[in-house]
Amino acid sequence: MALTLREAKYPAVQYVPRKDVDMTLLERTDHLTYCPYKGDCAYYSVPAGGERSINAVWTYEEPYAAVSAIKDHVAFYPDRVDAIEERP
């Protein structure tokens, strides 16, 4: 089940369980960022999406305890992917 995370003035973000994502369609990148509330963030690109889909997916592999529920989840930038499909 996806989790919704709301932070301050930012739009809500859906974190999708990695087990529900075809990770073979994503490519890990070297891009890393840090959030003082969630921890270190790693990124994936969607090769099929071309240039605009570089670093389109992010994940907190070892999030801080306060947001530990997002571990093993990924989130997608809505302007960098064409669609997210739910399949049976």
C-alpha atoms as a PDB file:
ATOM      1  CA  MET A   1       0.000   0.000   0.000  1.00  0.00           C
ATOM      2  CA  ALA A   2       1.285   3.460  -0.899  1.00  0.00           C
ATOM      3  CA  LEU A   3       1.948   5.934   1.896  1.00  0.00           C
ATOM      4  CA  THR A   4       1.184   9.633   1.709  1.00  0.00           C
ATOM      5  CA  LEU A   5       3.711  11.966   3.281  1.00  0.00           C
ATOM      6  CA  ARG A   6       2.787  15.606   3.856  1.00  0.00           C
ATOM      7  CA  GLU A   7       5.471  18.147   4.689  1.00  0.00           C
ATOM      8  CA  ALA A   8       4.952  21.799   5.505  1.00  0.00           C
ATOM      9  CA  LYS A   9       3.884  23.732   2.406  1.00  0.00           C
ATOM     10  CA  TYR A  10       4.909  21.044  -0.116  1.00  0.00           C
ATOM     11  CA  PRO A  11       2.391  18.953  -2.068  1.00  0.00           C
ATOM     12  CA  ALA A  12       1.680  15.510  -0.624  1.00  0.00           C
ATOM     13  CA  VAL A  13       3.997  12.755  -1.891  1.00  0.00           C
ATOM     14  CA  GLN A  14       2.974   9.155  -2.539  1.00  0.00           C
ATOM     15  CA  TYR A  15       5.608   6.603  -1.512  1.00  0.00           C
ATOM     16  CA  VAL A  16       5.027   3.296  -3.295  1.00  0.00           C
ATOM     17  CA  PRO A  17       6.406   0.031  -1.858  1.00  0.00           C
ATOM     18  CA  ARG A  18       9.421  -1.166  -3.846  1.00  0.00           C
ATOM     19  CA  LYS A  19       7.836  -4.617  -4.028  1.00  0.00           C
ATOM     20  CA  ASP A  20       5.031  -3.058  -6.091  1.00  0.00           C
ATOM     21  CA  VAL A  21       7.412  -1.354  -8.541  1.00  0.00           C
ATOM     22  CA  ASP A  22       9.134  -3.074 -11.457  1.00  0.00           C
ATOM     23  CA  MET A  23      12.604  -2.000 -10.374  1.00  0.00           C
ATOM     24  CA  THR A  24      14.088  -3.610 -13.518  1.00  0.00           C
ATOM     25  CA  LEU A  25      12.697  -0.618 -15.441  1.00  0.00           C
ATOM     26  CA  LEU A  26      14.705   1.804 -13.292  1.00  0.00           C
ATOM     27  CA  GLU A  27      18.414   2.599 -13.272  1.00  0.00           C
ATOM     28  CA  ARG A  28      20.247   3.663 -10.110  1.00  0.00           C
ATOM     29  CA  THR A  29      22.158   6.936 -10.498  1.00  0.00           C
ATOM     30  CA  ASP A  30      25.042   8.486  -8.558  1.00  0.00           C
ATOM     31  CA  HIS A  31      22.873  11.441  -7.527  1.00  0.00           C
ATOM     32  CA  LEU A  32      22.447  11.737  -3.754  1.00  0.00           C
ATOM     33  CA  THR A  33      20.845  14.369  -1.556  1.00  0.00           C
ATOM     34  CA  TYR A  34      20.266  14.846   2.144  1.00  0.00           C
ATOM     35  CA  CYS A  35      17.109  15.867   3.982  1.00  0.00           C
ATOM     36  CA  PRO A  36      17.464  16.897   7.638  1.00  0.00           C
ATOM     37  CA  TYR A  37      14.061  15.307   8.376  1.00  0.00           C
ATOM     38  CA  LYS A  38      14.344  12.046   6.430  1.00  0.00           C
ATOM     39  CA  GLY A  39      18.078  11.367   5.901  1.00  0.00           C
ATOM     40  CA  ASP A  40      20.122  10.424   2.838  1.00  0.00           C
ATOM     41  CA  CYS A  41      18.226  10.108  -0.420  1.00  0.00           C
ATOM     42  CA  ALA A  42      19.169   7.950  -3.427  1.00  0.00           C
ATOM     43  CA  TYR A  43      17.802   8.337  -6.960  1.00  0.00           C
ATOM     44  CA  TYR A  44      16.815   6.269  -9.978  1.00  0.00           C
ATOM     45  CA  SER A  45      16.172   7.221 -13.573  1.00  0.00           C
ATOM     46  CA  VAL A  46      13.587   5.800 -15.958  1.00  0.00           C
ATOM     47  CA  PRO A  47      15.655   5.098 -19.092  1.00  0.00           C
ATOM     48  CA  ALA A  48      12.530   4.736 -21.266  1.00  0.00           C
ATOM     49  CA  GLY A  49      11.592   8.330 -20.373  1.00  0.00           C
ATOM     50  CA  GLY A  50      14.722   9.896 -21.844  1.00  0.00           C
ATOM     51  CA  GLU A  51      16.362  13.076 -20.539  1.00  0.00           C
ATOM     52  CA  ARG A  52      13.406  14.342 -18.524  1.00  0.00           C
ATOM     53  CA  SER A  53      13.244  11.098 -16.527  1.00  0.00           C
ATOM     54  CA  ILE A  54      16.765  11.333 -15.119  1.00  0.00           C
ATOM     55  CA  ASN A  55      16.583  11.118 -11.314  1.00  0.00           C
ATOM     56  CA  ALA A  56      12.799  10.853 -11.571  1.00  0.00           C
ATOM     57  CA  VAL A  57      12.495   8.417  -8.677  1.00  0.00           C
ATOM     58  CA  TRP A  58      13.804   8.794  -5.154  1.00  0.00           C
ATOM     59  CA  THR A  59      14.069   6.636  -2.073  1.00  0.00           C
ATOM     60  CA  TYR A  60      15.263   6.841   1.515  1.00  0.00           C
ATOM     61  CA  GLU A  61      16.937   3.493   2.087  1.00  0.00           C
ATOM     62  CA  GLU A  62      17.745   4.189   5.751  1.00  0.00           C
ATOM     63  CA  PRO A  63      15.282   6.921   6.768  1.00  0.00           C
ATOM     64  CA  TYR A  64      15.280   8.464  10.207  1.00  0.00           C
ATOM     65  CA  ALA A  65      13.079   6.798  12.831  1.00  0.00           C
ATOM     66  CA  ALA A  66      10.397   9.507  12.612  1.00  0.00           C
ATOM     67  CA  VAL A  67       9.702   8.513   8.982  1.00  0.00           C
ATOM     68  CA  SER A  68      10.757   4.861   9.105  1.00  0.00           C
ATOM     69  CA  ALA A  69       7.526   3.851   7.351  1.00  0.00           C
ATOM     70  CA  ILE A  70       8.945   5.083   4.011  1.00  0.00           C
ATOM     71  CA  LYS A  71      11.796   2.552   4.128  1.00  0.00           C
ATOM     72  CA  ASP A  72      11.573   0.193   1.143  1.00  0.00           C
ATOM     73  CA  HIS A  73       9.368   2.700  -0.725  1.00  0.00           C
ATOM     74  CA  VAL A  74      10.029   4.929  -3.734  1.00  0.00           C
ATOM     75  CA  ALA A  75       8.474   8.191  -4.876  1.00  0.00           C
ATOM     76  CA  PHE A  76       8.151   9.637  -8.374  1.00  0.00           C
ATOM     77  CA  TYR A  77       8.402  13.249  -9.560  1.00  0.00           C
ATOM     78  CA  PRO A  78       5.044  13.715 -11.337  1.00  0.00           C
ATOM     79  CA  ASP A  79       6.555  15.972 -14.004  1.00  0.00           C
ATOM     80  CA  ARG A  80       9.225  13.399 -14.911  1.00  0.00           C
ATOM     81  CA  VAL A  81       7.074  10.319 -15.562  1.00  0.00           C
ATOM     82  CA  ASP A  82       4.223   9.881 -18.023  1.00  0.00           C
ATOM     83  CA  ALA A  83       2.144   7.477 -15.968  1.00  0.00           C
ATOM     84  CA  ILE A  84       2.098   5.195 -12.993  1.00  0.00           C
ATOM     85  CA  GLU A  85      -0.026   2.144 -13.698  1.00  0.00           C
ATOM     86  CA  GLU A  86      -1.496  -0.222 -11.189  1.00  0.00           C
ATOM     87  CA  ARG A  87      -1.538  -3.795 -12.427  1.00  0.00           C
ATOM     88  CA  PRO A  88      -3.241  -6.815 -10.869  1.00  0.00           C
END
